[in-house]
Amino acid sequence: MDIGKLRDRITLQSQGMTQNEIGEMVPGWTDAFANVPASVYDGSGKEFIAAGAIQNTAVTRFTVRYMEGITNSMRVLFNATPYKIQAVLGQDRRQLVLMCVRGA
């Protein structure tokens, strides 16, 4: 892995309980791994027909150093935009590729 390509910073978040403005515990997203270096690649968009409606999805690929505990139930926060993790690839203990879609 060429660490020089890890130019961007992302935050990996997991679902958990957070505190709202009045002090109540509510379901939300908490930082699991904060400020992780990553390389970001926006893949091509594709249109497909599902359930009678045209939907547009664009896959974004985040490459990070290998870390234990990253699952597809988490999300990526990049430039204040959430991305839902669809798949975690490359479990070779060197790097992970997170295949994501915008809007979690």
N, C-alpha and C. Protein backbone atom coordinates (compact mmCIF):
# COMPACT_ATOMS: atom_id res chain seq x y z
N MET A 1 0.84 -1.18 0.00
CA MET A 1 0.00 0.00 0.00
C MET A 1 0.89 1.24 0.00
N ASP A 2 0.62 2.15 -0.88
CA ASP A 2 1.35 3.41 -0.97
C ASP A 2 0.68 4.42 -0.04
N ILE A 3 1.29 4.67 1.12
CA ILE A 3 0.65 5.54 2.10
C ILE A 3 0.59 6.99 1.64
N GLY A 4 1.34 7.35 0.60
CA GLY A 4 1.27 8.69 0.06
C GLY A 4 -0.06 9.00 -0.60
N LYS A 5 -0.81 7.96 -0.95
CA LYS A 5 -2.12 8.17 -1.57
C LYS A 5 -3.22 8.42 -0.54
N LEU A 6 -2.93 8.23 0.72
CA LEU A 6 -3.92 8.45 1.78
C LEU A 6 -3.93 9.93 2.16
N ARG A 7 -4.48 10.75 1.28
CA ARG A 7 -4.41 12.20 1.42
C ARG A 7 -5.61 12.81 2.13
N ASP A 8 -6.70 12.07 2.20
CA ASP A 8 -7.93 12.60 2.79
C ASP A 8 -8.12 12.03 4.20
N ARG A 9 -8.98 12.69 4.96
CA ARG A 9 -9.31 12.22 6.31
C ARG A 9 -10.80 11.90 6.35
N ILE A 10 -11.11 10.72 6.89
CA ILE A 10 -12.51 10.32 7.04
C ILE A 10 -12.74 9.94 8.50
N THR A 11 -14.01 9.89 8.88
CA THR A 11 -14.41 9.42 10.19
C THR A 11 -15.30 8.21 10.01
N LEU A 12 -14.99 7.12 10.69
CA LEU A 12 -15.82 5.93 10.66
C LEU A 12 -16.74 5.98 11.87
N GLN A 13 -18.04 5.83 11.62
CA GLN A 13 -19.02 5.93 12.68
C GLN A 13 -19.83 4.64 12.79
N SER A 14 -20.27 4.35 14.02
CA SER A 14 -21.14 3.21 14.26
C SER A 14 -22.41 3.69 14.95
N GLN A 15 -23.47 2.90 14.83
CA GLN A 15 -24.72 3.27 15.48
C GLN A 15 -24.60 3.03 16.97
N GLY A 16 -25.13 3.97 17.72
CA GLY A 16 -25.09 3.87 19.17
C GLY A 16 -26.03 4.88 19.78
N MET A 17 -25.88 5.11 21.04
CA MET A 17 -26.71 6.08 21.74
C MET A 17 -25.92 7.37 21.92
N THR A 18 -26.57 8.49 21.60
CA THR A 18 -25.96 9.80 21.76
C THR A 18 -26.86 10.67 22.62
N GLN A 19 -26.32 11.75 23.10
CA GLN A 19 -27.08 12.65 23.96
C GLN A 19 -27.56 13.83 23.14
N ASN A 20 -28.86 14.15 23.24
CA ASN A 20 -29.41 15.29 22.51
C ASN A 20 -29.24 16.57 23.31
N GLU A 21 -29.85 17.66 22.83
CA GLU A 21 -29.67 18.98 23.43
C GLU A 21 -30.17 19.07 24.86
N ILE A 22 -31.19 18.26 25.19
CA ILE A 22 -31.76 18.35 26.54
C ILE A 22 -31.28 17.23 27.46
N GLY A 23 -30.29 16.48 27.01
CA GLY A 23 -29.66 15.48 27.85
C GLY A 23 -30.22 14.07 27.75
N GLU A 24 -31.20 13.84 26.88
CA GLU A 24 -31.75 12.50 26.72
C GLU A 24 -30.84 11.66 25.85
N MET A 25 -30.83 10.35 26.12
CA MET A 25 -30.08 9.42 25.29
C MET A 25 -30.98 8.96 24.15
N VAL A 26 -30.53 9.19 22.91
CA VAL A 26 -31.30 8.85 21.72
C VAL A 26 -30.42 8.07 20.75
N PRO A 27 -31.01 7.24 19.88
CA PRO A 27 -30.20 6.53 18.89
C PRO A 27 -29.55 7.53 17.93
N GLY A 28 -28.31 7.25 17.57
CA GLY A 28 -27.59 8.13 16.66
C GLY A 28 -26.28 7.49 16.23
N TRP A 29 -25.40 8.30 15.69
CA TRP A 29 -24.10 7.83 15.20
C TRP A 29 -23.00 8.35 16.10
N THR A 30 -22.09 7.46 16.49
CA THR A 30 -20.95 7.84 17.30
C THR A 30 -19.66 7.51 16.55
N ASP A 31 -18.62 8.27 16.81
CA ASP A 31 -17.35 8.05 16.13
C ASP A 31 -16.70 6.77 16.66
N ALA A 32 -16.47 5.82 15.76
CA ALA A 32 -15.80 4.57 16.12
C ALA A 32 -14.29 4.73 15.96
N PHE A 33 -13.87 5.28 14.83
CA PHE A 33 -12.47 5.59 14.54
C PHE A 33 -12.47 7.01 13.98
N ALA A 34 -11.88 7.95 14.68
CA ALA A 34 -11.92 9.33 14.22
C ALA A 34 -10.67 9.67 13.41
N ASN A 35 -10.85 10.48 12.36
CA ASN A 35 -9.76 11.01 11.55
C ASN A 35 -8.80 9.94 11.03
N VAL A 36 -9.34 9.05 10.24
CA VAL A 36 -8.57 7.97 9.64
C VAL A 36 -8.07 8.44 8.28
N PRO A 37 -6.76 8.28 7.95
CA PRO A 37 -6.30 8.65 6.61
C PRO A 37 -6.85 7.67 5.57
N ALA A 38 -7.25 8.22 4.42
CA ALA A 38 -7.85 7.38 3.38
C ALA A 38 -7.60 7.99 2.01
N SER A 39 -7.71 7.14 0.99
CA SER A 39 -7.77 7.65 -0.38
C SER A 39 -9.22 7.48 -0.83
N VAL A 40 -9.69 8.46 -1.59
CA VAL A 40 -11.10 8.50 -2.00
C VAL A 40 -11.17 8.45 -3.51
N TYR A 41 -12.01 7.56 -4.03
CA TYR A 41 -12.20 7.44 -5.46
C TYR A 41 -13.70 7.37 -5.74
N ASP A 42 -14.21 8.35 -6.50
CA ASP A 42 -15.62 8.33 -6.90
C ASP A 42 -15.74 7.51 -8.17
N GLY A 43 -16.44 6.39 -8.07
CA GLY A 43 -16.65 5.53 -9.23
C GLY A 43 -17.72 6.10 -10.13
N SER A 44 -17.99 5.39 -11.18
CA SER A 44 -18.99 5.85 -12.13
C SER A 44 -20.39 5.63 -11.57
N GLY A 45 -21.31 6.46 -11.97
CA GLY A 45 -22.70 6.29 -11.57
C GLY A 45 -23.40 5.32 -12.49
N LYS A 46 -24.45 4.74 -12.01
CA LYS A 46 -25.21 3.84 -12.86
C LYS A 46 -26.69 4.04 -12.58
N GLU A 47 -27.45 3.94 -13.61
CA GLU A 47 -28.89 4.05 -13.47
C GLU A 47 -29.50 2.69 -13.69
N PHE A 48 -30.48 2.38 -12.89
CA PHE A 48 -31.17 1.12 -13.06
C PHE A 48 -32.62 1.30 -12.65
N ILE A 49 -33.45 0.39 -13.12
CA ILE A 49 -34.87 0.45 -12.81
C ILE A 49 -35.15 -0.57 -11.71
N ALA A 50 -35.68 -0.07 -10.62
CA ALA A 50 -36.03 -0.94 -9.50
C ALA A 50 -37.37 -0.49 -8.94
N ALA A 51 -38.23 -1.44 -8.74
CA ALA A 51 -39.57 -1.19 -8.18
C ALA A 51 -40.33 -0.15 -8.99
N GLY A 52 -40.15 -0.17 -10.28
CA GLY A 52 -40.91 0.72 -11.15
C GLY A 52 -40.40 2.15 -11.20
N ALA A 53 -39.29 2.44 -10.57
CA ALA A 53 -38.77 3.81 -10.57
C ALA A 53 -37.30 3.78 -10.96
N ILE A 54 -36.85 4.80 -11.65
CA ILE A 54 -35.44 4.91 -12.01
C ILE A 54 -34.69 5.47 -10.80
N GLN A 55 -33.62 4.78 -10.42
CA GLN A 55 -32.80 5.21 -9.31
C GLN A 55 -31.38 5.42 -9.80
N ASN A 56 -30.70 6.35 -9.21
CA ASN A 56 -29.33 6.66 -9.60
C ASN A 56 -28.42 6.41 -8.40
N THR A 57 -27.40 5.60 -8.57
CA THR A 57 -26.45 5.36 -7.48
C THR A 57 -25.04 5.59 -8.00
N ALA A 58 -24.23 6.16 -7.16
CA ALA A 58 -22.82 6.33 -7.47
C ALA A 58 -22.02 5.71 -6.33
N VAL A 59 -21.08 4.87 -6.67
CA VAL A 59 -20.28 4.18 -5.67
C VAL A 59 -19.00 4.97 -5.42
N THR A 60 -18.69 5.19 -4.16
CA THR A 60 -17.44 5.84 -3.76
C THR A 60 -16.61 4.80 -3.02
N ARG A 61 -15.34 4.74 -3.37
CA ARG A 61 -14.44 3.76 -2.78
C ARG A 61 -13.44 4.48 -1.87
N PHE A 62 -13.43 4.06 -0.59
CA PHE A 62 -12.48 4.60 0.39
C PHE A 62 -11.48 3.49 0.70
N THR A 63 -10.18 3.77 0.56
CA THR A 63 -9.15 2.81 0.90
C THR A 63 -8.44 3.30 2.16
N VAL A 64 -8.38 2.44 3.17
CA VAL A 64 -7.76 2.78 4.45
C VAL A 64 -6.78 1.68 4.84
N ARG A 65 -5.92 1.97 5.80
CA ARG A 65 -5.06 0.94 6.36
C ARG A 65 -5.94 -0.09 7.07
N TYR A 66 -5.44 -1.30 7.17
CA TYR A 66 -6.20 -2.37 7.81
C TYR A 66 -6.46 -2.03 9.27
N MET A 67 -7.72 -2.24 9.69
CA MET A 67 -8.13 -2.06 11.08
C MET A 67 -9.12 -3.16 11.43
N GLU A 68 -9.06 -3.64 12.63
CA GLU A 68 -10.04 -4.62 13.10
C GLU A 68 -11.34 -3.91 13.41
N GLY A 69 -12.45 -4.60 13.19
CA GLY A 69 -13.74 -4.12 13.65
C GLY A 69 -14.56 -3.29 12.68
N ILE A 70 -14.09 -3.06 11.47
CA ILE A 70 -14.88 -2.28 10.51
C ILE A 70 -15.86 -3.22 9.82
N THR A 71 -17.15 -2.88 9.87
CA THR A 71 -18.19 -3.72 9.28
C THR A 71 -19.08 -2.87 8.37
N ASN A 72 -19.95 -3.55 7.62
CA ASN A 72 -20.85 -2.81 6.73
C ASN A 72 -22.05 -2.22 7.47
N SER A 73 -22.13 -2.37 8.77
CA SER A 73 -23.17 -1.69 9.54
C SER A 73 -22.73 -0.29 9.96
N MET A 74 -21.50 0.07 9.64
CA MET A 74 -20.96 1.39 9.97
C MET A 74 -21.19 2.35 8.79
N ARG A 75 -20.79 3.59 8.99
CA ARG A 75 -20.83 4.56 7.90
C ARG A 75 -19.57 5.39 7.92
N VAL A 76 -19.30 6.03 6.78
CA VAL A 76 -18.14 6.92 6.62
C VAL A 76 -18.65 8.35 6.56
N LEU A 77 -17.98 9.24 7.27
CA LEU A 77 -18.28 10.66 7.20
C LEU A 77 -17.10 11.33 6.52
N PHE A 78 -17.34 11.91 5.32
CA PHE A 78 -16.29 12.55 4.54
C PHE A 78 -16.79 13.90 4.08
N ASN A 79 -16.09 14.97 4.43
CA ASN A 79 -16.49 16.34 4.10
C ASN A 79 -17.93 16.62 4.53
N ALA A 80 -18.27 16.20 5.73
CA ALA A 80 -19.60 16.39 6.33
C ALA A 80 -20.71 15.66 5.59
N THR A 81 -20.37 14.73 4.72
CA THR A 81 -21.36 13.94 3.99
C THR A 81 -21.27 12.48 4.45
N PRO A 82 -22.41 11.89 4.86
CA PRO A 82 -22.38 10.49 5.27
C PRO A 82 -22.44 9.54 4.07
N TYR A 83 -21.73 8.43 4.17
CA TYR A 83 -21.72 7.38 3.14
C TYR A 83 -22.01 6.05 3.82
N LYS A 84 -22.96 5.30 3.29
CA LYS A 84 -23.29 3.98 3.81
C LYS A 84 -22.32 2.96 3.25
N ILE A 85 -21.72 2.16 4.13
CA ILE A 85 -20.78 1.13 3.70
C ILE A 85 -21.58 -0.06 3.17
N GLN A 86 -21.39 -0.37 1.89
CA GLN A 86 -22.05 -1.52 1.27
C GLN A 86 -21.23 -2.79 1.43
N ALA A 87 -19.91 -2.68 1.35
CA ALA A 87 -19.04 -3.85 1.45
C ALA A 87 -17.67 -3.43 1.97
N VAL A 88 -17.05 -4.34 2.72
CA VAL A 88 -15.69 -4.17 3.21
C VAL A 88 -14.84 -5.22 2.51
N LEU A 89 -13.92 -4.77 1.65
CA LEU A 89 -13.12 -5.69 0.83
C LEU A 89 -11.65 -5.65 1.21
N GLY A 90 -10.94 -6.71 0.87
CA GLY A 90 -9.49 -6.74 1.02
C GLY A 90 -9.02 -7.05 2.41
N GLN A 91 -9.54 -8.08 2.98
CA GLN A 91 -9.16 -8.46 4.34
C GLN A 91 -7.79 -9.13 4.35
N ASP A 92 -6.78 -8.50 3.75
CA ASP A 92 -5.44 -9.08 3.66
C ASP A 92 -4.50 -8.57 4.75
N ARG A 93 -5.05 -7.89 5.74
CA ARG A 93 -4.29 -7.33 6.86
C ARG A 93 -3.31 -6.24 6.45
N ARG A 94 -3.48 -5.68 5.25
CA ARG A 94 -2.67 -4.54 4.81
C ARG A 94 -3.55 -3.32 4.58
N GLN A 95 -4.67 -3.52 3.90
CA GLN A 95 -5.57 -2.42 3.60
C GLN A 95 -7.00 -2.93 3.51
N LEU A 96 -7.93 -2.00 3.65
CA LEU A 96 -9.36 -2.29 3.47
C LEU A 96 -9.90 -1.34 2.43
N VAL A 97 -10.77 -1.84 1.58
CA VAL A 97 -11.48 -1.01 0.61
C VAL A 97 -12.93 -1.00 1.02
N LEU A 98 -13.45 0.19 1.29
CA LEU A 98 -14.83 0.36 1.71
C LEU A 98 -15.64 0.84 0.51
N MET A 99 -16.55 0.00 0.02
CA MET A 99 -17.42 0.38 -1.08
C MET A 99 -18.67 1.02 -0.48
N CYS A 100 -18.91 2.28 -0.83
CA CYS A 100 -19.96 3.06 -0.17
C CYS A 100 -20.88 3.77 -1.16
N VAL A 101 -22.06 4.12 -0.69
CA VAL A 101 -22.97 4.97 -1.45
C VAL A 101 -23.29 6.19 -0.59
N ARG A 102 -23.48 7.31 -1.25
CA ARG A 102 -23.72 8.57 -0.55
C ARG A 102 -25.09 8.57 0.09
N GLY A 103 -25.18 9.16 1.28
CA GLY A 103 -26.44 9.31 1.97
C GLY A 103 -26.78 8.13 2.85
N ALA A 104 -26.29 8.14 4.07
CA ALA A 104 -26.56 7.03 4.99
C ALA A 104 -27.71 7.37 5.89
